[in-house]
Amino acid sequence: MAKNKQTSKRAKLHIKKDDTVLVLAGKYKGTKAKVLSVLPEKNKAIVEGVNVVKRHVKPAADNPGGIQEKLAPIHISNLKVCDANGEPTRVYRKLIDGKRVRVSKNEEVLD
């Protein structure tokens, strides 16, 4: 009997680590910040100072416990890449000199 494997198709992400992004929706709408990490399997990113949540932590040997603030991931559909001028822009890939590079809609090379 064959098992059905769940295969998750990962979307191509327009956001990379260290990009500056603009938050488009939610409590932090309008905030520009730096991407700290990207979680491609969940289509989410952790952005500096955005989506801060509080967690109650039990005391442990290396941890005094209490209420700690933590950065939670935000979905990449709620983020837009900013170019070098700080303006939000669309990003696409283009062949330049035989290399595939990310280019903003304003024709600025981002990589």
PDB file of N, CA and C in Angstrom:
ATOM      1  N   MET A   1       0.834  -1.174   0.000  1.00  0.00           N
ATOM      2  CA  MET A   1       0.000   0.000   0.000  1.00  0.00           C
ATOM      3  C   MET A   1       0.880   1.238   0.000  1.00  0.00           C
ATOM      4  N   ALA A   2       0.682   2.098  -0.943  1.00  0.00           N
ATOM      5  CA  ALA A   2       1.529   3.285  -1.082  1.00  0.00           C
ATOM      6  C   ALA A   2       1.067   4.385  -0.132  1.00  0.00           C
ATOM      7  N   LYS A   3       2.041   5.060   0.440  1.00  0.00           N
ATOM      8  CA  LYS A   3       1.733   6.172   1.330  1.00  0.00           C
ATOM      9  C   LYS A   3       1.701   7.464   0.520  1.00  0.00           C
ATOM     10  N   ASN A   4       0.809   8.337   0.885  1.00  0.00           N
ATOM     11  CA  ASN A   4       0.763   9.646   0.251  1.00  0.00           C
ATOM     12  C   ASN A   4       1.721  10.574   0.974  1.00  0.00           C
ATOM     13  N   LYS A   5       2.708  11.020   0.267  1.00  0.00           N
ATOM     14  CA  LYS A   5       3.659  11.951   0.860  1.00  0.00           C
ATOM     15  C   LYS A   5       3.167  13.364   0.615  1.00  0.00           C
ATOM     16  N   GLN A   6       3.250  14.169   1.653  1.00  0.00           N
ATOM     17  CA  GLN A   6       2.905  15.568   1.477  1.00  0.00           C
ATOM     18  C   GLN A   6       4.139  16.288   0.980  1.00  0.00           C
ATOM     19  N   THR A   7       4.038  16.804  -0.209  1.00  0.00           N
ATOM     20  CA  THR A   7       5.158  17.557  -0.757  1.00  0.00           C
ATOM     21  C   THR A   7       4.794  19.028  -0.721  1.00  0.00           C
ATOM     22  N   SER A   8       5.632  19.793  -0.067  1.00  0.00           N
ATOM     23  CA  SER A   8       5.355  21.221   0.008  1.00  0.00           C
ATOM     24  C   SER A   8       6.148  21.923  -1.080  1.00  0.00           C
ATOM     25  N   LYS A   9       5.445  22.673  -1.896  1.00  0.00           N
ATOM     26  CA  LYS A   9       6.112  23.440  -2.943  1.00  0.00           C
ATOM     27  C   LYS A   9       6.491  24.785  -2.367  1.00  0.00           C
ATOM     28  N   ARG A  10       7.778  25.065  -2.358  1.00  0.00           N
ATOM     29  CA  ARG A  10       8.247  26.342  -1.834  1.00  0.00           C
ATOM     30  C   ARG A  10       8.199  27.376  -2.940  1.00  0.00           C
ATOM     31  N   ALA A  11       7.669  28.515  -2.611  1.00  0.00           N
ATOM     32  CA  ALA A  11       7.630  29.605  -3.576  1.00  0.00           C
ATOM     33  C   ALA A  11       9.003  30.257  -3.653  1.00  0.00           C
ATOM     34  N   LYS A  12       9.315  30.861  -4.788  1.00  0.00           N
ATOM     35  CA  LYS A  12      10.557  31.610  -4.902  1.00  0.00           C
ATOM     36  C   LYS A  12      10.387  32.889  -4.097  1.00  0.00           C
ATOM     37  N   LEU A  13      11.325  33.131  -3.232  1.00  0.00           N
ATOM     38  CA  LEU A  13      11.211  34.281  -2.346  1.00  0.00           C
ATOM     39  C   LEU A  13      11.872  35.509  -2.952  1.00  0.00           C
ATOM     40  N   HIS A  14      11.232  36.642  -2.802  1.00  0.00           N
ATOM     41  CA  HIS A  14      11.792  37.902  -3.290  1.00  0.00           C
ATOM     42  C   HIS A  14      12.577  38.609  -2.198  1.00  0.00           C
ATOM     43  N   ILE A  15      12.624  38.014  -1.011  1.00  0.00           N
ATOM     44  CA  ILE A  15      13.297  38.626   0.131  1.00  0.00           C
ATOM     45  C   ILE A  15      14.477  37.765   0.541  1.00  0.00           C
ATOM     46  N   LYS A  16      15.600  38.424   0.862  1.00  0.00           N
ATOM     47  CA  LYS A  16      16.792  37.735   1.329  1.00  0.00           C
ATOM     48  C   LYS A  16      17.237  38.338   2.652  1.00  0.00           C
ATOM     49  N   LYS A  17      18.100  37.636   3.332  1.00  0.00           N
ATOM     50  CA  LYS A  17      18.664  38.136   4.581  1.00  0.00           C
ATOM     51  C   LYS A  17      19.402  39.453   4.315  1.00  0.00           C
ATOM     52  N   ASP A  18      19.331  40.379   5.255  1.00  0.00           N
ATOM     53  CA  ASP A  18      19.973  41.706   5.213  1.00  0.00           C
ATOM     54  C   ASP A  18      19.299  42.683   4.261  1.00  0.00           C
ATOM     55  N   ASP A  19      18.174  42.323   3.640  1.00  0.00           N
ATOM     56  CA  ASP A  19      17.410  43.285   2.835  1.00  0.00           C
ATOM     57  C   ASP A  19      16.706  44.263   3.765  1.00  0.00           C
ATOM     58  N   THR A  20      16.473  45.464   3.278  1.00  0.00           N
ATOM     59  CA  THR A  20      15.615  46.411   3.980  1.00  0.00           C
ATOM     60  C   THR A  20      14.227  46.253   3.389  1.00  0.00           C
ATOM     61  N   VAL A  21      13.233  46.082   4.274  1.00  0.00           N
ATOM     62  CA  VAL A  21      11.873  45.843   3.804  1.00  0.00           C
ATOM     63  C   VAL A  21      10.901  46.829   4.437  1.00  0.00           C
ATOM     64  N   LEU A  22       9.759  46.995   3.775  1.00  0.00           N
ATOM     65  CA  LEU A  22       8.663  47.805   4.279  1.00  0.00           C
ATOM     66  C   LEU A  22       7.537  46.851   4.652  1.00  0.00           C
ATOM     67  N   VAL A  23       6.976  47.011   5.859  1.00  0.00           N
ATOM     68  CA  VAL A  23       5.871  46.168   6.299  1.00  0.00           C
ATOM     69  C   VAL A  23       4.583  46.749   5.732  1.00  0.00           C
ATOM     70  N   LEU A  24       3.810  45.912   5.018  1.00  0.00           N
ATOM     71  CA  LEU A  24       2.613  46.366   4.316  1.00  0.00           C
ATOM     72  C   LEU A  24       1.326  46.198   5.117  1.00  0.00           C
ATOM     73  N   ALA A  25       1.304  45.311   6.107  1.00  0.00           N
ATOM     74  CA  ALA A  25       0.058  45.038   6.816  1.00  0.00           C
ATOM     75  C   ALA A  25       0.331  44.708   8.274  1.00  0.00           C
ATOM     76  N   GLY A  26      -0.686  44.885   9.080  1.00  0.00           N
ATOM     77  CA  GLY A  26      -0.606  44.510  10.480  1.00  0.00           C
ATOM     78  C   GLY A  26      -0.271  45.668  11.398  1.00  0.00           C
ATOM     79  N   LYS A  27       0.034  45.332  12.625  1.00  0.00           N
ATOM     80  CA  LYS A  27       0.312  46.318  13.677  1.00  0.00           C
ATOM     81  C   LYS A  27       1.508  47.200  13.335  1.00  0.00           C
ATOM     82  N   TYR A  28       2.476  46.669  12.624  1.00  0.00           N
ATOM     83  CA  TYR A  28       3.711  47.395  12.303  1.00  0.00           C
ATOM     84  C   TYR A  28       3.699  47.972  10.884  1.00  0.00           C
ATOM     85  N   LYS A  29       2.526  48.175  10.301  1.00  0.00           N
ATOM     86  CA  LYS A  29       2.387  48.681   8.935  1.00  0.00           C
ATOM     87  C   LYS A  29       3.136  50.008   8.779  1.00  0.00           C
ATOM     88  N   GLY A  30       3.924  50.109   7.686  1.00  0.00           N
ATOM     89  CA  GLY A  30       4.677  51.329   7.408  1.00  0.00           C
ATOM     90  C   GLY A  30       6.077  51.335   7.975  1.00  0.00           C
ATOM     91  N   THR A  31       6.455  50.313   8.729  1.00  0.00           N
ATOM     92  CA  THR A  31       7.781  50.229   9.339  1.00  0.00           C
ATOM     93  C   THR A  31       8.803  49.726   8.330  1.00  0.00           C
ATOM     94  N   LYS A  32       9.962  50.396   8.262  1.00  0.00           N
ATOM     95  CA  LYS A  32      11.080  49.916   7.442  1.00  0.00           C
ATOM     96  C   LYS A  32      12.108  49.315   8.386  1.00  0.00           C
ATOM     97  N   ALA A  33      12.547  48.103   8.077  1.00  0.00           N
ATOM     98  CA  ALA A  33      13.489  47.410   8.950  1.00  0.00           C
ATOM     99  C   ALA A  33      14.298  46.396   8.146  1.00  0.00           C
ATOM    100  N   LYS A  34      15.295  45.821   8.801  1.00  0.00           N
ATOM    101  CA  LYS A  34      16.218  44.872   8.181  1.00  0.00           C
ATOM    102  C   LYS A  34      15.758  43.437   8.451  1.00  0.00           C
ATOM    103  N   VAL A  35      15.905  42.568   7.455  1.00  0.00           N
ATOM    104  CA  VAL A  35      15.546  41.158   7.597  1.00  0.00           C
ATOM    105  C   VAL A  35      16.698  40.434   8.296  1.00  0.00           C
ATOM    106  N   LEU A  36      16.391  39.774   9.414  1.00  0.00           N
ATOM    107  CA  LEU A  36      17.412  39.041  10.165  1.00  0.00           C
ATOM    108  C   LEU A  36      17.571  37.612   9.665  1.00  0.00           C
ATOM    109  N   SER A  37      16.466  36.973   9.303  1.00  0.00           N
ATOM    110  CA  SER A  37      16.540  35.620   8.746  1.00  0.00           C
ATOM    111  C   SER A  37      15.274  35.339   7.947  1.00  0.00           C
ATOM    112  N   VAL A  38      15.372  34.357   7.046  1.00  0.00           N
ATOM    113  CA  VAL A  38      14.252  33.968   6.198  1.00  0.00           C
ATOM    114  C   VAL A  38      13.971  32.489   6.428  1.00  0.00           C
ATOM    115  N   LEU A  39      12.686  32.148   6.557  1.00  0.00           N
ATOM    116  CA  LEU A  39      12.255  30.768   6.742  1.00  0.00           C
ATOM    117  C   LEU A  39      11.498  30.329   5.489  1.00  0.00           C
ATOM    118  N   PRO A  40      12.210  29.839   4.449  1.00  0.00           N
ATOM    119  CA  PRO A  40      11.568  29.542   3.167  1.00  0.00           C
ATOM    120  C   PRO A  40      10.524  28.427   3.242  1.00  0.00           C
ATOM    121  N   GLU A  41      10.684  27.469   4.161  1.00  0.00           N
ATOM    122  CA  GLU A  41       9.727  26.371   4.241  1.00  0.00           C
ATOM    123  C   GLU A  41       8.370  26.839   4.773  1.00  0.00           C
ATOM    124  N   LYS A  42       8.361  27.967   5.485  1.00  0.00           N
ATOM    125  CA  LYS A  42       7.114  28.518   6.020  1.00  0.00           C
ATOM    126  C   LYS A  42       6.683  29.796   5.304  1.00  0.00           C
ATOM    127  N   ASN A  43       7.464  30.262   4.337  1.00  0.00           N
ATOM    128  CA  ASN A  43       7.224  31.526   3.636  1.00  0.00           C
ATOM    129  C   ASN A  43       7.139  32.691   4.612  1.00  0.00           C
ATOM    130  N   LYS A  44       8.038  32.709   5.588  1.00  0.00           N
ATOM    131  CA  LYS A  44       8.049  33.766   6.593  1.00  0.00           C
ATOM    132  C   LYS A  44       9.459  34.311   6.759  1.00  0.00           C
ATOM    133  N   ALA A  45       9.539  35.482   7.374  1.00  0.00           N
ATOM    134  CA  ALA A  45      10.826  36.116   7.638  1.00  0.00           C
ATOM    135  C   ALA A  45      10.793  36.739   9.023  1.00  0.00           C
ATOM    136  N   ILE A  46      11.956  36.807   9.660  1.00  0.00           N
ATOM    137  CA  ILE A  46      12.085  37.487  10.945  1.00  0.00           C
ATOM    138  C   ILE A  46      12.721  38.839  10.665  1.00  0.00           C
ATOM    139  N   VAL A  47      12.002  39.898  11.051  1.00  0.00           N
ATOM    140  CA  VAL A  47      12.407  41.264  10.747  1.00  0.00           C
ATOM    141  C   VAL A  47      12.721  41.984  12.058  1.00  0.00           C
ATOM    142  N   GLU A  48      13.798  42.755  12.045  1.00  0.00           N
ATOM    143  CA  GLU A  48      14.286  43.449  13.234  1.00  0.00           C
ATOM    144  C   GLU A  48      13.240  44.429  13.771  1.00  0.00           C
ATOM    145  N   GLY A  49      12.823  44.233  15.026  1.00  0.00           N
ATOM    146  CA  GLY A  49      11.898  45.144  15.689  1.00  0.00           C
ATOM    147  C   GLY A  49      10.446  45.020  15.271  1.00  0.00           C
ATOM    148  N   VAL A  50      10.117  44.035  14.437  1.00  0.00           N
ATOM    149  CA  VAL A  50       8.745  43.863  13.953  1.00  0.00           C
ATOM    150  C   VAL A  50       8.184  42.556  14.496  1.00  0.00           C
ATOM    151  N   ASN A  51       6.907  42.578  14.895  1.00  0.00           N
ATOM    152  CA  ASN A  51       6.193  41.416  15.411  1.00  0.00           C
ATOM    153  C   ASN A  51       6.860  40.884  16.683  1.00  0.00           C
ATOM    154  N   VAL A  52       7.047  41.768  17.648  1.00  0.00           N
ATOM    155  CA  VAL A  52       7.642  41.399  18.928  1.00  0.00           C
ATOM    156  C   VAL A  52       6.539  40.837  19.823  1.00  0.00           C
ATOM    157  N   VAL A  53       6.756  39.626  20.354  1.00  0.00           N
ATOM    158  CA  VAL A  53       5.794  38.978  21.229  1.00  0.00           C
ATOM    159  C   VAL A  53       6.448  38.705  22.579  1.00  0.00           C
ATOM    160  N   LYS A  54       5.610  38.534  23.610  1.00  0.00           N
ATOM    161  CA  LYS A  54       6.126  38.239  24.938  1.00  0.00           C
ATOM    162  C   LYS A  54       5.876  36.772  25.246  1.00  0.00           C
ATOM    163  N   ARG A  55       6.874  36.124  25.808  1.00  0.00           N
ATOM    164  CA  ARG A  55       6.793  34.715  26.169  1.00  0.00           C
ATOM    165  C   ARG A  55       7.099  34.554  27.654  1.00  0.00           C
ATOM    166  N   HIS A  56       6.299  33.738  28.318  1.00  0.00           N
ATOM    167  CA  HIS A  56       6.544  33.430  29.716  1.00  0.00           C
ATOM    168  C   HIS A  56       7.458  32.216  29.755  1.00  0.00           C
ATOM    169  N   VAL A  57       8.642  32.366  30.372  1.00  0.00           N
ATOM    170  CA  VAL A  57       9.669  31.326  30.344  1.00  0.00           C
ATOM    171  C   VAL A  57       9.891  30.806  31.758  1.00  0.00           C
ATOM    172  N   LYS A  58       9.925  29.487  31.879  1.00  0.00           N
ATOM    173  CA  LYS A  58      10.211  28.874  33.179  1.00  0.00           C
ATOM    174  C   LYS A  58      11.683  29.031  33.516  1.00  0.00           C
ATOM    175  N   PRO A  59      12.014  29.143  34.784  1.00  0.00           N
ATOM    176  CA  PRO A  59      13.434  29.214  35.162  1.00  0.00           C
ATOM    177  C   PRO A  59      14.162  27.906  34.834  1.00  0.00           C
ATOM    178  N   ALA A  60      15.395  28.042  34.409  1.00  0.00           N
ATOM    179  CA  ALA A  60      16.258  26.888  34.140  1.00  0.00           C
ATOM    180  C   ALA A  60      17.645  27.219  34.680  1.00  0.00           C
ATOM    181  N   ALA A  61      18.578  26.316  34.500  1.00  0.00           N
ATOM    182  CA  ALA A  61      19.928  26.508  35.037  1.00  0.00           C
ATOM    183  C   ALA A  61      20.599  27.735  34.422  1.00  0.00           C
ATOM    184  N   ASP A  62      20.385  27.956  33.134  1.00  0.00           N
ATOM    185  CA  ASP A  62      21.037  29.082  32.454  1.00  0.00           C
ATOM    186  C   ASP A  62      20.091  30.260  32.228  1.00  0.00           C
ATOM    187  N   ASN A  63      18.858  30.151  32.722  1.00  0.00           N
ATOM    188  CA  ASN A  63      17.852  31.157  32.444  1.00  0.00           C
ATOM    189  C   ASN A  63      17.081  31.483  33.725  1.00  0.00           C
ATOM    190  N   PRO A  64      17.015  32.753  34.115  1.00  0.00           N
ATOM    191  CA  PRO A  64      16.296  33.088  35.345  1.00  0.00           C
ATOM    192  C   PRO A  64      14.774  32.995  35.209  1.00  0.00           C
ATOM    193  N   GLY A  65      14.271  32.926  33.980  1.00  0.00           N
ATOM    194  CA  GLY A  65      12.837  32.833  33.760  1.00  0.00           C
ATOM    195  C   GLY A  65      12.195  34.205  33.731  1.00  0.00           C
ATOM    196  N   GLY A  66      10.877  34.247  33.684  1.00  0.00           N
ATOM    197  CA  GLY A  66      10.143  35.501  33.645  1.00  0.00           C
ATOM    198  C   GLY A  66       9.543  35.749  32.273  1.00  0.00           C
ATOM    199  N   ILE A  67       9.169  36.999  32.031  1.00  0.00           N
ATOM    200  CA  ILE A  67       8.564  37.376  30.757  1.00  0.00           C
ATOM    201  C   ILE A  67       9.655  37.936  29.857  1.00  0.00           C
ATOM    202  N   GLN A  68       9.835  37.313  28.695  1.00  0.00           N
ATOM    203  CA  GLN A  68      10.873  37.740  27.764  1.00  0.00           C
ATOM    204  C   GLN A  68      10.242  38.123  26.431  1.00  0.00           C
ATOM    205  N   GLU A  69      10.831  39.128  25.776  1.00  0.00           N
ATOM    206  CA  GLU A  69      10.362  39.522  24.446  1.00  0.00           C
ATOM    207  C   GLU A  69      11.128  38.752  23.383  1.00  0.00           C
ATOM    208  N   LYS A  70      10.416  38.372  22.324  1.00  0.00           N
ATOM    209  CA  LYS A  70      10.987  37.538  21.279  1.00  0.00           C
ATOM    210  C   LYS A  70      10.450  38.026  19.936  1.00  0.00           C
ATOM    211  N   LEU A  71      11.266  37.921  18.890  1.00  0.00           N
ATOM    212  CA  LEU A  71      10.823  38.285  17.539  1.00  0.00           C
ATOM    213  C   LEU A  71      10.114  37.088  16.919  1.00  0.00           C
ATOM    214  N   ALA A  72       8.897  37.307  16.440  1.00  0.00           N
ATOM    215  CA  ALA A  72       8.138  36.251  15.784  1.00  0.00           C
ATOM    216  C   ALA A  72       8.189  36.472  14.271  1.00  0.00           C
ATOM    217  N   PRO A  73       8.092  35.409  13.484  1.00  0.00           N
ATOM    218  CA  PRO A  73       8.124  35.553  12.026  1.00  0.00           C
ATOM    219  C   PRO A  73       6.894  36.277  11.494  1.00  0.00           C
ATOM    220  N   ILE A  74       7.054  36.934  10.356  1.00  0.00           N
ATOM    221  CA  ILE A  74       5.962  37.605   9.668  1.00  0.00           C
ATOM    222  C   ILE A  74       5.926  37.053   8.237  1.00  0.00           C
ATOM    223  N   HIS A  75       4.738  36.891   7.676  1.00  0.00           N
ATOM    224  CA  HIS A  75       4.601  36.299   6.354  1.00  0.00           C
ATOM    225  C   HIS A  75       5.202  37.224   5.291  1.00  0.00           C
ATOM    226  N   ILE A  76       5.882  36.641   4.308  1.00  0.00           N
ATOM    227  CA  ILE A  76       6.581  37.462   3.315  1.00  0.00           C
ATOM    228  C   ILE A  76       5.636  38.229   2.400  1.00  0.00           C
ATOM    229  N   SER A  77       4.364  37.826   2.330  1.00  0.00           N
ATOM    230  CA  SER A  77       3.415  38.578   1.513  1.00  0.00           C
ATOM    231  C   SER A  77       3.129  39.946   2.130  1.00  0.00           C
ATOM    232  N   ASN A  78       3.456  40.121   3.396  1.00  0.00           N
ATOM    233  CA  ASN A  78       3.251  41.395   4.076  1.00  0.00           C
ATOM    234  C   ASN A  78       4.500  42.270   4.050  1.00  0.00           C
ATOM    235  N   LEU A  79       5.506  41.875   3.264  1.00  0.00           N
ATOM    236  CA  LEU A  79       6.764  42.621   3.188  1.00  0.00           C
ATOM    237  C   LEU A  79       7.059  43.021   1.751  1.00  0.00           C
ATOM    238  N   LYS A  80       7.678  44.177   1.588  1.00  0.00           N
ATOM    239  CA  LYS A  80       8.092  44.631   0.255  1.00  0.00           C
ATOM    240  C   LYS A  80       9.525  45.130   0.346  1.00  0.00           C
ATOM    241  N   VAL A  81      10.357  44.720  -0.596  1.00  0.00           N
ATOM    242  CA  VAL A  81      11.774  45.074  -0.610  1.00  0.00           C
ATOM    243  C   VAL A  81      11.939  46.556  -0.927  1.00  0.00           C
ATOM    244  N   CYS A  82      12.877  47.205  -0.237  1.00  0.00           N
ATOM    245  CA  CYS A  82      13.212  48.602  -0.520  1.00  0.00           C
ATOM    246  C   CYS A  82      14.543  48.643  -1.265  1.00  0.00           C
ATOM    247  N   ASP A  83      14.674  49.567  -2.215  1.00  0.00           N
ATOM    248  CA  ASP A  83      15.921  49.688  -2.968  1.00  0.00           C
ATOM    249  C   ASP A  83      16.929  50.527  -2.183  1.00  0.00           C
ATOM    250  N   ALA A  84      18.037  50.875  -2.807  1.00  0.00           N
ATOM    251  CA  ALA A  84      19.111  51.612  -2.131  1.00  0.00           C
ATOM    252  C   ALA A  84      18.654  52.990  -1.658  1.00  0.00           C
ATOM    253  N   ASN A  85      17.677  53.570  -2.335  1.00  0.00           N
ATOM    254  CA  ASN A  85      17.157  54.882  -1.945  1.00  0.00           C
ATOM    255  C   ASN A  85      16.139  54.795  -0.816  1.00  0.00           C
ATOM    256  N   GLY A  86      15.780  53.586  -0.406  1.00  0.00           N
ATOM    257  CA  GLY A  86      14.804  53.396   0.656  1.00  0.00           C
ATOM    258  C   GLY A  86      13.370  53.373   0.166  1.00  0.00           C
ATOM    259  N   GLU A  87      13.180  53.369  -1.153  1.00  0.00           N
ATOM    260  CA  GLU A  87      11.838  53.341  -1.724  1.00  0.00           C
ATOM    261  C   GLU A  87      11.395  51.897  -1.954  1.00  0.00           C
ATOM    262  N   PRO A  88      10.151  51.546  -1.604  1.00  0.00           N
ATOM    263  CA  PRO A  88       9.671  50.189  -1.870  1.00  0.00           C
ATOM    264  C   PRO A  88       9.585  49.941  -3.371  1.00  0.00           C
ATOM    265  N   THR A  89       9.977  48.748  -3.788  1.00  0.00           N
ATOM    266  CA  THR A  89      10.019  48.427  -5.206  1.00  0.00           C
ATOM    267  C   THR A  89       9.752  46.945  -5.419  1.00  0.00           C
ATOM    268  N   ARG A  90       9.407  46.587  -6.637  1.00  0.00           N
ATOM    269  CA  ARG A  90       9.288  45.176  -7.000  1.00  0.00           C
ATOM    270  C   ARG A  90      10.662  44.663  -7.409  1.00  0.00           C
ATOM    271  N   VAL A  91      10.845  43.357  -7.266  1.00  0.00           N
ATOM    272  CA  VAL A  91      12.137  42.749  -7.560  1.00  0.00           C
ATOM    273  C   VAL A  91      11.936  41.614  -8.545  1.00  0.00           C
ATOM    274  N   TYR A  92      12.822  41.510  -9.517  1.00  0.00           N
ATOM    275  CA  TYR A  92      12.806  40.376 -10.435  1.00  0.00           C
ATOM    276  C   TYR A  92      14.240  39.983 -10.747  1.00  0.00           C
ATOM    277  N   ARG A  93      14.403  38.807 -11.340  1.00  0.00           N
ATOM    278  CA  ARG A  93      15.744  38.319 -11.669  1.00  0.00           C
ATOM    279  C   ARG A  93      16.000  38.537 -13.154  1.00  0.00           C
ATOM    280  N   LYS A  94      17.252  38.877 -13.469  1.00  0.00           N
ATOM    281  CA  LYS A  94      17.613  39.198 -14.841  1.00  0.00           C
ATOM    282  C   LYS A  94      19.023  38.677 -15.102  1.00  0.00           C
ATOM    283  N   LEU A  95      19.304  38.293 -16.330  1.00  0.00           N
ATOM    284  CA  LEU A  95      20.648  37.867 -16.702  1.00  0.00           C
ATOM    285  C   LEU A  95      21.479  39.081 -17.085  1.00  0.00           C
ATOM    286  N   ILE A  96      22.570  39.286 -16.345  1.00  0.00           N
ATOM    287  CA  ILE A  96      23.512  40.358 -16.657  1.00  0.00           C
ATOM    288  C   ILE A  96      24.899  39.723 -16.687  1.00  0.00           C
ATOM    289  N   ASP A  97      25.569  39.818 -17.827  1.00  0.00           N
ATOM    290  CA  ASP A  97      26.894  39.213 -18.006  1.00  0.00           C
ATOM    291  C   ASP A  97      26.884  37.719 -17.706  1.00  0.00           C
ATOM    292  N   GLY A  98      25.812  37.032 -18.054  1.00  0.00           N
ATOM    293  CA  GLY A  98      25.725  35.593 -17.841  1.00  0.00           C
ATOM    294  C   GLY A  98      25.390  35.198 -16.416  1.00  0.00           C
ATOM    295  N   LYS A  99      25.201  36.169 -15.524  1.00  0.00           N
ATOM    296  CA  LYS A  99      24.842  35.881 -14.142  1.00  0.00           C
ATOM    297  C   LYS A  99      23.404  36.309 -13.904  1.00  0.00           C
ATOM    298  N   ARG A 100      22.713  35.557 -13.072  1.00  0.00           N
ATOM    299  CA  ARG A 100      21.342  35.901 -12.705  1.00  0.00           C
ATOM    300  C   ARG A 100      21.406  36.792 -11.464  1.00  0.00           C
ATOM    301  N   VAL A 101      20.944  38.020 -11.576  1.00  0.00           N
ATOM    302  CA  VAL A 101      21.005  38.972 -10.461  1.00  0.00           C
ATOM    303  C   VAL A 101      19.608  39.527 -10.183  1.00  0.00           C
ATOM    304  N   ARG A 102      19.415  40.005  -8.948  1.00  0.00           N
ATOM    305  CA  ARG A 102      18.153  40.633  -8.576  1.00  0.00           C
ATOM    306  C   ARG A 102      18.192  42.100  -8.974  1.00  0.00           C
ATOM    307  N   VAL A 103      17.143  42.542  -9.626  1.00  0.00           N
ATOM    308  CA  VAL A 103      17.070  43.909 -10.104  1.00  0.00           C
ATOM    309  C   VAL A 103      15.745  44.498  -9.626  1.00  0.00           C
ATOM    310  N   SER A 104      15.783  45.754  -9.161  1.00  0.00           N
ATOM    311  CA  SER A 104      14.538  46.401  -8.763  1.00  0.00           C
ATOM    312  C   SER A 104      13.816  46.902 -10.009  1.00  0.00           C
ATOM    313  N   LYS A 105      12.551  47.207  -9.866  1.00  0.00           N
ATOM    314  CA  LYS A 105      11.740  47.689 -10.982  1.00  0.00           C
ATOM    315  C   LYS A 105      12.314  49.024 -11.503  1.00  0.00           C
ATOM    316  N   ASN A 106      13.054  49.735 -10.657  1.00  0.00           N
ATOM    317  CA  ASN A 106      13.680  51.003 -11.050  1.00  0.00           C
ATOM    318  C   ASN A 106      15.013  50.778 -11.766  1.00  0.00           C
ATOM    319  N   GLU A 107      15.302  49.521 -12.145  1.00  0.00           N
ATOM    320  CA  GLU A 107      16.521  49.124 -12.848  1.00  0.00           C
ATOM    321  C   GLU A 107      17.799  49.333 -12.030  1.00  0.00           C
ATOM    322  N   GLU A 108      17.714  49.182 -10.721  1.00  0.00           N
ATOM    323  CA  GLU A 108      18.894  49.187  -9.871  1.00  0.00           C
ATOM    324  C   GLU A 108      19.226  47.744  -9.511  1.00  0.00           C
ATOM    325  N   VAL A 109      20.486  47.384  -9.628  1.00  0.00           N
ATOM    326  CA  VAL A 109      20.908  46.034  -9.259  1.00  0.00           C
ATOM    327  C   VAL A 109      20.999  45.966  -7.739  1.00  0.00           C
ATOM    328  N   LEU A 110      20.321  44.986  -7.136  1.00  0.00           N
ATOM    329  CA  LEU A 110      20.275  44.875  -5.673  1.00  0.00           C
ATOM    330  C   LEU A 110      21.357  43.962  -5.119  1.00  0.00           C
ATOM    331  N   ASP A 111      21.827  43.011  -5.910  1.00  0.00           N
ATOM    332  CA  ASP A 111      22.856  42.070  -5.397  1.00  0.00           C
ATOM    333  C   ASP A 111      24.247  42.573  -5.679  1.00  0.00           C
TER     334      ASP A 111
END
